PDB file of N, CA and C in Angstrom:
ATOM      1  N   UNK A   1       0.844  -1.186   0.000  1.00  0.00           N
ATOM      2  CA  UNK A   1       0.000   0.000   0.000  1.00  0.00           C
ATOM      3  C   UNK A   1       0.886   1.244   0.000  1.00  0.00           C
ATOM      4  N   UNK A   2       0.721   2.077  -0.969  1.00  0.00           N
ATOM      5  CA  UNK A   2       1.515   3.295  -1.081  1.00  0.00           C
ATOM      6  C   UNK A   2       0.907   4.373  -0.201  1.00  0.00           C
ATOM      7  N   UNK A   3       1.762   5.065   0.563  1.00  0.00           N
ATOM      8  CA  UNK A   3       1.331   6.162   1.429  1.00  0.00           C
ATOM      9  C   UNK A   3       1.928   7.466   0.933  1.00  0.00           C
ATOM     10  N   UNK A   4       1.145   8.532   1.073  1.00  0.00           N
ATOM     11  CA  UNK A   4       1.568   9.853   0.634  1.00  0.00           C
ATOM     12  C   UNK A   4       1.254  10.879   1.706  1.00  0.00           C
ATOM     13  N   UNK A   5       2.112  11.886   1.854  1.00  0.00           N
ATOM     14  CA  UNK A   5       1.716  13.064   2.618  1.00  0.00           C
ATOM     15  C   UNK A   5       0.987  13.982   1.640  1.00  0.00           C
ATOM     16  N   UNK A   6       0.470  15.110   2.109  1.00  0.00           N
ATOM     17  CA  UNK A   6      -0.368  15.951   1.244  1.00  0.00           C
ATOM     18  C   UNK A   6       0.354  16.436  -0.010  1.00  0.00           C
ATOM     19  N   UNK A   7       1.563  17.004   0.071  1.00  0.00           N
ATOM     20  CA  UNK A   7       2.225  17.449  -1.173  1.00  0.00           C
ATOM     21  C   UNK A   7       2.454  16.297  -2.161  1.00  0.00           C
ATOM     22  N   UNK A   8       2.812  15.128  -1.658  1.00  0.00           N
ATOM     23  CA  UNK A   8       3.024  13.977  -2.531  1.00  0.00           C
ATOM     24  C   UNK A   8       1.705  13.520  -3.154  1.00  0.00           C
ATOM     25  N   UNK A   9       0.636  13.545  -2.368  1.00  0.00           N
ATOM     26  CA  UNK A   9      -0.676  13.141  -2.867  1.00  0.00           C
ATOM     27  C   UNK A   9      -1.144  14.071  -3.978  1.00  0.00           C
ATOM     28  N   UNK A  10      -0.997  15.364  -3.775  1.00  0.00           N
ATOM     29  CA  UNK A  10      -1.391  16.332  -4.808  1.00  0.00           C
ATOM     30  C   UNK A  10      -0.624  16.055  -6.100  1.00  0.00           C
ATOM     31  N   UNK A  11       0.672  15.856  -6.006  1.00  0.00           N
ATOM     32  CA  UNK A  11       1.482  15.572  -7.195  1.00  0.00           C
ATOM     33  C   UNK A  11       1.036  14.283  -7.862  1.00  0.00           C
ATOM     34  N   UNK A  12       0.756  13.257  -7.080  1.00  0.00           N
ATOM     35  CA  UNK A  12       0.306  11.980  -7.628  1.00  0.00           C
ATOM     36  C   UNK A  12      -1.032  12.130  -8.360  1.00  0.00           C
ATOM     37  N   UNK A  13      -1.957  12.858  -7.758  1.00  0.00           N
ATOM     38  CA  UNK A  13      -3.263  13.090  -8.395  1.00  0.00           C
ATOM     39  C   UNK A  13      -3.080  13.824  -9.714  1.00  0.00           C
ATOM     40  N   UNK A  14      -2.273  14.874  -9.722  1.00  0.00           N
ATOM     41  CA  UNK A  14      -2.040  15.632 -10.960  1.00  0.00           C
ATOM     42  C   UNK A  14      -1.375  14.777 -12.029  1.00  0.00           C
ATOM     43  N   UNK A  15      -0.350  14.017 -11.633  1.00  0.00           N
ATOM     44  CA  UNK A  15       0.398  13.208 -12.606  1.00  0.00           C
ATOM     45  C   UNK A  15      -0.453  12.104 -13.216  1.00  0.00           C
ATOM     46  N   UNK A  16      -1.457  11.634 -12.491  1.00  0.00           N
ATOM     47  CA  UNK A  16      -2.260  10.501 -12.937  1.00  0.00           C
ATOM     48  C   UNK A  16      -3.706  10.859 -13.264  1.00  0.00           C
ATOM     49  N   UNK A  17      -3.994  12.156 -13.346  1.00  0.00           N
ATOM     50  CA  UNK A  17      -5.351  12.633 -13.688  1.00  0.00           C
ATOM     51  C   UNK A  17      -6.429  11.975 -12.837  1.00  0.00           C
ATOM     52  N   UNK A  18      -6.198  11.960 -11.536  1.00  0.00           N
ATOM     53  CA  UNK A  18      -7.158  11.347 -10.607  1.00  0.00           C
ATOM     54  C   UNK A  18      -8.097  12.397 -10.015  1.00  0.00           C
ATOM     55  N   UNK A  19      -8.675  13.206 -10.873  1.00  0.00           N
ATOM     56  CA  UNK A  19      -9.590  14.239 -10.405  1.00  0.00           C
ATOM     57  C   UNK A  19     -10.953  13.620 -10.109  1.00  0.00           C
ATOM     58  N   UNK A  20     -11.788  14.365  -9.393  1.00  0.00           N
ATOM     59  CA  UNK A  20     -13.085  13.862  -8.929  1.00  0.00           C
ATOM     60  C   UNK A  20     -12.901  12.641  -8.035  1.00  0.00           C
ATOM     61  N   UNK A  21     -11.969  12.790  -7.101  1.00  0.00           N
ATOM     62  CA  UNK A  21     -11.678  11.728  -6.141  1.00  0.00           C
ATOM     63  C   UNK A  21     -11.649  12.291  -4.729  1.00  0.00           C
ATOM     64  N   UNK A  22     -11.801  11.388  -3.762  1.00  0.00           N
ATOM     65  CA  UNK A  22     -11.764  11.751  -2.339  1.00  0.00           C
ATOM     66  C   UNK A  22     -10.800  10.785  -1.645  1.00  0.00           C
ATOM     67  N   UNK A  23      -9.939  11.348  -0.811  1.00  0.00           N
ATOM     68  CA  UNK A  23      -9.019  10.547  -0.016  1.00  0.00           C
ATOM     69  C   UNK A  23      -9.255  10.855   1.457  1.00  0.00           C
ATOM     70  N   UNK A  24      -9.267   9.807   2.279  1.00  0.00           N
ATOM     71  CA  UNK A  24      -9.384   9.949   3.726  1.00  0.00           C
ATOM     72  C   UNK A  24      -8.038   9.584   4.333  1.00  0.00           C
ATOM     73  N   UNK A  25      -7.581  10.392   5.286  1.00  0.00           N
ATOM     74  CA  UNK A  25      -6.278  10.133   5.897  1.00  0.00           C
ATOM     75  C   UNK A  25      -6.304   8.821   6.683  1.00  0.00           C
ATOM     76  N   UNK A  26      -5.114   8.281   6.922  1.00  0.00           N
ATOM     77  CA  UNK A  26      -5.006   7.023   7.668  1.00  0.00           C
ATOM     78  C   UNK A  26      -5.636   7.128   9.049  1.00  0.00           C
ATOM     79  N   UNK A  27      -5.512   8.294   9.681  1.00  0.00           N
ATOM     80  CA  UNK A  27      -6.076   8.465  11.025  1.00  0.00           C
ATOM     81  C   UNK A  27      -7.559   8.840  10.987  1.00  0.00           C
ATOM     82  N   UNK A  28      -8.133   8.941   9.788  1.00  0.00           N
ATOM     83  CA  UNK A  28      -9.566   9.233   9.566  1.00  0.00           C
ATOM     84  C   UNK A  28      -9.981  10.628  10.044  1.00  0.00           C
ATOM     85  N   UNK A  29      -9.005  11.532  10.257  1.00  0.00           N
ATOM     86  CA  UNK A  29      -9.304  12.878  10.739  1.00  0.00           C
ATOM     87  C   UNK A  29      -9.344  13.924   9.637  1.00  0.00           C
ATOM     88  N   UNK A  30      -8.873  13.580   8.439  1.00  0.00           N
ATOM     89  CA  UNK A  30      -8.795  14.551   7.353  1.00  0.00           C
ATOM     90  C   UNK A  30      -9.298  13.914   6.066  1.00  0.00           C
ATOM     91  N   UNK A  31     -10.101  14.677   5.317  1.00  0.00           N
ATOM     92  CA  UNK A  31     -10.578  14.244   4.003  1.00  0.00           C
ATOM     93  C   UNK A  31     -10.197  15.321   3.002  1.00  0.00           C
ATOM     94  N   UNK A  32      -9.663  14.902   1.858  1.00  0.00           N
ATOM     95  CA  UNK A  32      -9.355  15.848   0.787  1.00  0.00           C
ATOM     96  C   UNK A  32     -10.065  15.386  -0.475  1.00  0.00           C
ATOM     97  N   UNK A  33     -10.707  16.340  -1.165  1.00  0.00           N
ATOM     98  CA  UNK A  33     -11.415  16.053  -2.404  1.00  0.00           C
ATOM     99  C   UNK A  33     -10.767  16.846  -3.525  1.00  0.00           C
ATOM    100  N   UNK A  34     -10.464  16.161  -4.618  1.00  0.00           N
ATOM    101  CA  UNK A  34      -9.875  16.793  -5.805  1.00  0.00           C
ATOM    102  C   UNK A  34     -10.937  16.877  -6.883  1.00  0.00           C
ATOM    103  N   UNK A  35     -11.108  18.066  -7.452  1.00  0.00           N
ATOM    104  CA  UNK A  35     -12.125  18.268  -8.489  1.00  0.00           C
ATOM    105  C   UNK A  35     -11.511  18.436  -9.862  1.00  0.00           C
ATOM    106  N   UNK A  36     -10.539  19.275  -9.988  1.00  0.00           N
ATOM    107  CA  UNK A  36      -9.790  19.459 -11.228  1.00  0.00           C
ATOM    108  C   UNK A  36      -8.479  20.109 -10.825  1.00  0.00           C
ATOM    109  N   UNK A  37      -7.573  20.214 -11.757  1.00  0.00           N
ATOM    110  CA  UNK A  37      -6.254  20.750 -11.418  1.00  0.00           C
ATOM    111  C   UNK A  37      -6.401  22.105 -10.720  1.00  0.00           C
ATOM    112  N   UNK A  38      -5.701  22.261  -9.634  1.00  0.00           N
ATOM    113  CA  UNK A  38      -5.709  23.479  -8.812  1.00  0.00           C
ATOM    114  C   UNK A  38      -7.036  23.737  -8.107  1.00  0.00           C
ATOM    115  N   UNK A  39      -7.869  22.718  -7.952  1.00  0.00           N
ATOM    116  CA  UNK A  39      -9.135  22.877  -7.234  1.00  0.00           C
ATOM    117  C   UNK A  39      -9.354  21.674  -6.328  1.00  0.00           C
ATOM    118  N   UNK A  40      -9.188  21.879  -5.020  1.00  0.00           N
ATOM    119  CA  UNK A  40      -9.422  20.823  -4.046  1.00  0.00           C
ATOM    120  C   UNK A  40      -9.900  21.429  -2.748  1.00  0.00           C
ATOM    121  N   UNK A  41     -10.559  20.617  -1.932  1.00  0.00           N
ATOM    122  CA  UNK A  41     -11.041  21.024  -0.612  1.00  0.00           C
ATOM    123  C   UNK A  41     -10.504  20.050   0.418  1.00  0.00           C
ATOM    124  N   UNK A  42     -10.183  20.576   1.610  1.00  0.00           N
ATOM    125  CA  UNK A  42      -9.716  19.759   2.725  1.00  0.00           C
ATOM    126  C   UNK A  42     -10.697  19.949   3.873  1.00  0.00           C
ATOM    127  N   UNK A  43     -11.122  18.834   4.470  1.00  0.00           N
ATOM    128  CA  UNK A  43     -12.065  18.858   5.585  1.00  0.00           C
ATOM    129  C   UNK A  43     -11.444  18.147   6.783  1.00  0.00           C
ATOM    130  N   UNK A  44     -11.795  18.596   7.966  1.00  0.00           N
ATOM    131  CA  UNK A  44     -11.330  17.942   9.184  1.00  0.00           C
ATOM    132  C   UNK A  44     -10.206  18.706   9.838  1.00  0.00           C
ATOM    133  N   UNK A  45      -9.376  17.970  10.546  1.00  0.00           N
ATOM    134  CA  UNK A  45      -8.259  18.574  11.267  1.00  0.00           C
ATOM    135  C   UNK A  45      -7.272  19.213  10.303  1.00  0.00           C
ATOM    136  N   UNK A  46      -6.462  20.119  10.822  1.00  0.00           N
ATOM    137  CA  UNK A  46      -5.424  20.721   9.994  1.00  0.00           C
ATOM    138  C   UNK A  46      -4.567  19.620   9.388  1.00  0.00           C
ATOM    139  N   UNK A  47      -4.349  19.701   8.110  1.00  0.00           N
ATOM    140  CA  UNK A  47      -3.560  18.701   7.412  1.00  0.00           C
ATOM    141  C   UNK A  47      -2.095  19.103   7.503  1.00  0.00           C
ATOM    142  N   UNK A  48      -1.330  18.313   8.223  1.00  0.00           N
ATOM    143  CA  UNK A  48       0.088  18.578   8.395  1.00  0.00           C
ATOM    144  C   UNK A  48       0.879  17.720   7.425  1.00  0.00           C
ATOM    145  N   UNK A  49       2.146  18.057   7.265  1.00  0.00           N
ATOM    146  CA  UNK A  49       2.987  17.255   6.375  1.00  0.00           C
ATOM    147  C   UNK A  49       3.076  15.816   6.854  1.00  0.00           C
ATOM    148  N   UNK A  50       2.880  15.584   8.148  1.00  0.00           N
ATOM    149  CA  UNK A  50       2.955  14.232   8.694  1.00  0.00           C
ATOM    150  C   UNK A  50       1.658  13.435   8.488  1.00  0.00           C
ATOM    151  N   UNK A  51       0.573  14.087   8.040  1.00  0.00           N
ATOM    152  CA  UNK A  51      -0.686  13.388   7.775  1.00  0.00           C
ATOM    153  C   UNK A  51      -0.506  12.522   6.539  1.00  0.00           C
ATOM    154  N   UNK A  52      -0.840  11.247   6.651  1.00  0.00           N
ATOM    155  CA  UNK A  52      -0.636  10.308   5.553  1.00  0.00           C
ATOM    156  C   UNK A  52      -1.954   9.826   4.963  1.00  0.00           C
ATOM    157  N   UNK A  53      -1.919   9.587   3.660  1.00  0.00           N
ATOM    158  CA  UNK A  53      -3.068   9.087   2.909  1.00  0.00           C
ATOM    159  C   UNK A  53      -2.656   7.823   2.175  1.00  0.00           C
ATOM    160  N   UNK A  54      -3.556   6.843   2.097  1.00  0.00           N
ATOM    161  CA  UNK A  54      -3.333   5.603   1.344  1.00  0.00           C
ATOM    162  C   UNK A  54      -4.088   5.671   0.027  1.00  0.00           C
ATOM    163  N   UNK A  55      -3.480   5.124  -1.013  1.00  0.00           N
ATOM    164  CA  UNK A  55      -4.200   5.032  -2.283  1.00  0.00           C
ATOM    165  C   UNK A  55      -5.431   4.135  -2.167  1.00  0.00           C
ATOM    166  N   UNK A  56      -5.382   3.161  -1.291  1.00  0.00           N
ATOM    167  CA  UNK A  56      -6.520   2.250  -1.140  1.00  0.00           C
ATOM    168  C   UNK A  56      -7.750   2.942  -0.560  1.00  0.00           C
ATOM    169  N   UNK A  57      -7.557   4.136   0.026  1.00  0.00           N
ATOM    170  CA  UNK A  57      -8.681   4.883   0.597  1.00  0.00           C
ATOM    171  C   UNK A  57      -9.266   5.896  -0.385  1.00  0.00           C
ATOM    172  N   UNK A  58      -8.942   5.774  -1.682  1.00  0.00           N
ATOM    173  CA  UNK A  58      -9.480   6.688  -2.686  1.00  0.00           C
ATOM    174  C   UNK A  58     -10.888   6.270  -3.061  1.00  0.00           C
ATOM    175  N   UNK A  59     -11.756   7.271  -3.194  1.00  0.00           N
ATOM    176  CA  UNK A  59     -13.121   7.049  -3.670  1.00  0.00           C
ATOM    177  C   UNK A  59     -13.361   7.992  -4.847  1.00  0.00           C
ATOM    178  N   UNK A  60     -14.118   7.537  -5.815  1.00  0.00           N
ATOM    179  CA  UNK A  60     -14.545   8.412  -6.924  1.00  0.00           C
ATOM    180  C   UNK A  60     -15.761   9.216  -6.462  1.00  0.00           C
ATOM    181  N   UNK A  61     -15.783  10.505  -6.816  1.00  0.00           N
ATOM    182  CA  UNK A  61     -16.932  11.341  -6.470  1.00  0.00           C
ATOM    183  C   UNK A  61     -17.502  11.982  -7.718  1.00  0.00           C
TER     184      UNK A  61
END
């Protein structure tokens, strides 16, 4: 299972055109939704560089 912090996740989404997706952090405290390049929303606790996301937790929206 590949893990990403927020900057790595953003780059991965852009590089792989994974827009219209939602990722939940491993600790389940942060959700990020990507809509199109340069357009995303973050919900929950402050997302720190140490917050990790798994690719397996991606959902299409």
